[in-house]
Protein backbone atom coordinates (compact mmCIF):
# COMPACT_ATOMS: atom_id res chain seq x y z
CA MET A 1 77.44 114.67 121.60
CA SER A 2 73.87 115.17 123.00
CA ILE A 3 72.97 118.35 124.21
CA ASP A 4 70.19 118.89 127.32
CA VAL A 5 68.91 122.20 127.95
CA ARG A 6 67.37 122.59 131.41
CA PRO A 7 66.09 125.77 133.39
CA ALA A 8 69.07 127.39 135.29
CA THR A 9 68.03 126.26 138.80
CA ASP A 10 71.36 124.98 140.10
CA PHE A 11 73.46 128.05 140.80
CA GLU A 12 76.99 126.27 140.80
CA ASP A 13 76.08 125.22 137.14
CA VAL A 14 75.36 128.81 136.07
CA ARG A 15 78.51 129.83 138.33
CA ALA A 16 80.59 127.42 136.08
CA VAL A 17 79.37 129.12 132.92
CA LEU A 18 79.11 132.67 133.84
CA GLY A 19 80.94 133.18 137.19
CA PRO A 20 84.56 134.67 137.42
CA LYS A 21 87.71 132.60 138.52
CA SER A 22 88.13 135.16 141.44
CA PRO A 23 84.91 135.41 143.43
CA ALA A 24 85.77 138.98 144.14
CA ALA A 25 85.91 139.95 140.53
CA ASN A 26 82.96 142.31 139.29
CA VAL A 27 81.90 140.20 136.08
CA CYS A 28 78.40 140.68 134.58
CA TRP A 29 76.81 137.39 135.65
CA CYS A 30 74.37 138.38 132.96
CA LEU A 31 72.82 141.24 135.34
CA SER A 32 73.10 143.95 133.13
CA TYR A 33 70.02 143.91 131.53
CA ARG A 34 67.76 142.00 134.16
CA ILE A 35 68.10 144.56 136.83
CA PRO A 36 67.96 148.15 137.17
CA SER A 37 71.33 150.03 136.30
CA ARG A 38 71.79 151.26 139.66
CA LEU A 39 71.42 148.05 141.41
CA ASN A 40 73.85 146.49 138.61
CA ASN A 41 76.44 149.30 139.80
CA GLU A 42 75.85 148.75 143.44
CA LEU A 43 76.37 145.02 143.49
CA ARG A 44 80.15 144.27 143.70
CA GLY A 45 82.04 140.96 143.84
CA PRO A 46 80.63 138.28 145.68
CA ALA A 47 77.23 140.04 146.18
CA ARG A 48 76.67 139.91 142.09
CA GLY A 49 76.87 135.80 142.47
CA ALA A 50 74.71 135.85 145.67
CA TYR A 51 72.07 138.05 143.79
CA VAL A 52 72.20 135.14 140.73
CA ALA A 53 71.79 132.42 143.34
CA GLU A 54 68.73 133.87 144.66
CA LEU A 55 67.38 134.11 140.92
CA CYS A 56 68.08 130.53 140.55
CA ARG A 57 65.76 129.75 143.57
CA ALA A 58 62.83 131.83 141.92
CA GLU A 59 60.08 131.10 139.27
CA PRO A 60 61.09 131.66 136.58
CA PRO A 61 64.75 130.93 136.95
CA PRO A 62 67.07 133.53 135.30
CA GLY A 63 67.42 131.55 132.15
CA VAL A 64 68.40 128.17 130.89
CA LEU A 65 71.74 126.03 130.56
CA ALA A 66 73.07 123.65 127.94
CA TYR A 67 74.61 120.34 129.37
CA ASP A 68 76.58 117.79 127.65
CA GLY A 69 76.18 114.94 130.05
CA ASP A 70 76.69 116.39 133.42
CA GLU A 71 79.09 119.23 132.55
CA PRO A 72 77.14 122.62 131.92
CA VAL A 73 78.57 124.10 128.50
CA GLY A 74 76.35 126.95 127.72
CA TRP A 75 74.00 129.48 129.09
CA ALA A 76 71.07 131.62 127.45
CA ALA A 77 69.27 134.49 129.51
CA VAL A 78 65.37 134.65 129.22
CA ALA A 79 62.58 136.26 130.94
CA PRO A 80 59.48 138.45 130.41
CA ARG A 81 60.47 141.75 128.80
CA ALA A 82 58.57 143.56 131.59
CA ASP A 83 60.78 142.17 134.16
CA THR A 84 64.30 143.64 132.38
CA SER A 85 65.60 146.65 131.57
CA PHE A 86 64.48 146.20 128.04
CA ALA A 87 61.19 147.37 129.21
CA ARG A 88 62.49 150.90 129.48
CA ASN A 89 65.14 150.73 126.77
CA ARG A 90 64.88 153.67 124.56
CA LYS A 91 67.28 152.15 121.66
CA ILE A 92 65.18 148.83 121.55
CA PRO A 93 61.40 149.46 120.46
CA HIS A 94 58.42 148.07 121.28
CA ILE A 95 56.43 147.08 118.48
CA ASP A 96 53.09 146.04 120.21
CA ASP A 97 51.62 145.60 123.54
CA LEU A 98 52.02 141.86 123.60
CA PRO A 99 53.69 140.64 126.85
CA VAL A 100 56.66 139.27 125.15
CA TRP A 101 59.82 137.49 126.63
CA SER A 102 63.21 138.75 126.03
CA LEU A 103 66.35 136.31 124.93
CA TRP A 104 69.42 138.49 125.23
CA CYS A 105 72.60 136.47 125.75
CA VAL A 106 73.73 133.25 124.57
CA ARG A 107 76.99 132.04 125.92
CA VAL A 108 79.16 128.91 125.32
CA ARG A 109 82.01 128.03 127.17
CA PRO A 110 85.49 128.13 125.62
CA GLY A 111 86.41 124.47 124.37
CA HIS A 112 82.81 123.55 123.43
CA ARG A 113 82.27 126.37 120.76
CA LYS A 114 81.36 125.37 117.20
CA GLN A 115 79.43 122.32 118.16
CA GLY A 116 75.84 123.56 117.76
CA ILE A 117 75.41 124.61 121.30
CA SER A 118 74.03 127.92 120.94
CA HIS A 119 71.21 126.69 118.39
CA ALA A 120 70.34 124.27 121.28
CA LEU A 121 70.38 126.99 123.75
CA ILE A 122 68.03 129.30 121.41
CA ALA A 123 65.66 126.41 121.10
CA GLY A 124 65.65 125.54 124.78
CA ALA A 125 65.12 129.32 125.62
CA VAL A 126 62.03 129.18 123.18
CA GLU A 127 60.75 126.34 124.82
CA PHE A 128 61.34 127.65 128.09
CA ALA A 129 59.44 130.74 127.64
CA ARG A 130 56.69 128.66 125.81
CA ASP A 131 56.14 126.51 128.73
CA ARG A 132 55.52 129.17 130.80
CA GLY A 133 52.90 130.91 128.73
CA ALA A 134 54.83 133.45 126.57
CA PRO A 135 53.06 134.60 123.47
CA ALA A 136 56.11 135.62 121.98
CA ILE A 137 59.63 135.53 122.42
CA GLU A 138 62.03 138.59 121.24
CA ALA A 139 65.94 138.71 120.51
CA TYR A 140 68.17 141.48 119.99
CA PRO A 141 71.03 140.20 117.80
CA LEU A 142 73.68 141.74 115.89
CA ASP A 143 72.85 142.04 112.25
CA ASN A 144 76.70 141.38 111.22
CA GLY A 145 76.21 139.99 107.79
CA ASP A 146 79.42 137.94 107.05
CA ALA A 147 81.63 140.31 109.28
CA LYS A 148 83.35 138.99 112.03
CA VAL A 149 82.36 139.47 115.73
CA ASP A 150 84.52 139.70 118.68
CA LEU A 151 83.39 136.64 120.96
CA THR A 152 82.90 138.90 124.07
CA MET A 153 80.45 141.06 122.19
CA ALA A 154 78.73 137.97 120.56
CA TYR A 155 76.54 137.21 123.53
CA ALA A 156 73.49 138.97 121.99
CA GLY A 157 73.66 136.55 119.38
CA LEU A 158 73.76 136.71 115.54
CA ARG A 159 70.95 137.43 113.20
CA LYS A 160 71.44 134.34 110.91
CA ASN A 161 71.40 131.95 114.36
CA PHE A 162 67.74 133.40 115.13
CA GLU A 163 66.63 133.03 111.65
CA ARG A 164 67.47 129.48 111.71
CA ALA A 165 65.45 128.92 114.91
CA GLY A 166 62.32 130.77 112.99
CA PHE A 167 62.62 134.28 114.49
CA VAL A 168 61.69 137.07 112.06
CA HIS A 169 62.96 140.68 111.43
CA ALA A 170 60.37 142.70 113.49
CA ALA A 171 62.26 146.04 113.65
CA ASP A 172 65.27 148.05 113.34
CA THR A 173 66.83 149.52 116.33
CA THR A 174 69.03 152.15 117.28
CA SER A 175 71.41 150.09 119.55
CA VAL A 176 75.01 149.13 118.09
CA LEU A 177 77.04 146.55 119.61
CA ALA A 178 80.89 146.10 118.52
CA GLY A 179 80.22 148.18 115.82
CA HIS A 180 77.50 146.23 114.55
CA PRO A 181 73.59 147.08 114.44
CA ARG A 182 71.31 145.28 116.57
CA ILE A 183 67.81 144.31 115.33
CA LEU A 184 64.76 143.22 117.13
CA MET A 185 63.80 139.48 115.85
CA ARG A 186 60.82 137.92 117.16
CA LEU A 187 59.00 134.38 117.07
CA ASP A 188 55.29 134.03 117.75
CA LEU A 189 54.59 131.38 120.06
CA ARG A 190 50.64 131.24 119.75
């Protein structure tokens, strides 16, 4: 299997990975950290997908997609931290004034897991940010050690996967997800 990671410009492919089975469902669509909480709470059902469709037409696109041939099999959300709620997050610190990018969600479709796709997504998100001039990229994964993580909460990624990609522990946070502490990890791109 050869995985290709590309910018998420095709809304139908993003929908295949993130969208609900029912268009009226209020699923995340990976908007929780991307937009202000008030707007996130106001967008309902199809309006959430329509918002993501607009993001797919914008520059930069909202993230990257992993493909196995023509089939979208994974997603990673990546954007300048200043354009996300992480810019104002009190639980995840700012360690300096560098205009870093944030990588906050890695999702692999059921039936495609445990094939290295999350590693390809992290590498693709790093290249995406680097190609757009990011001086560094941060992630806020779970520091779960060897403990199991509920798949619905594993979207933040796992420390070991980011270490494998060259990220280093940069700071502790006060954020906890699914009972596991989150840490701030960074990869310098300069």
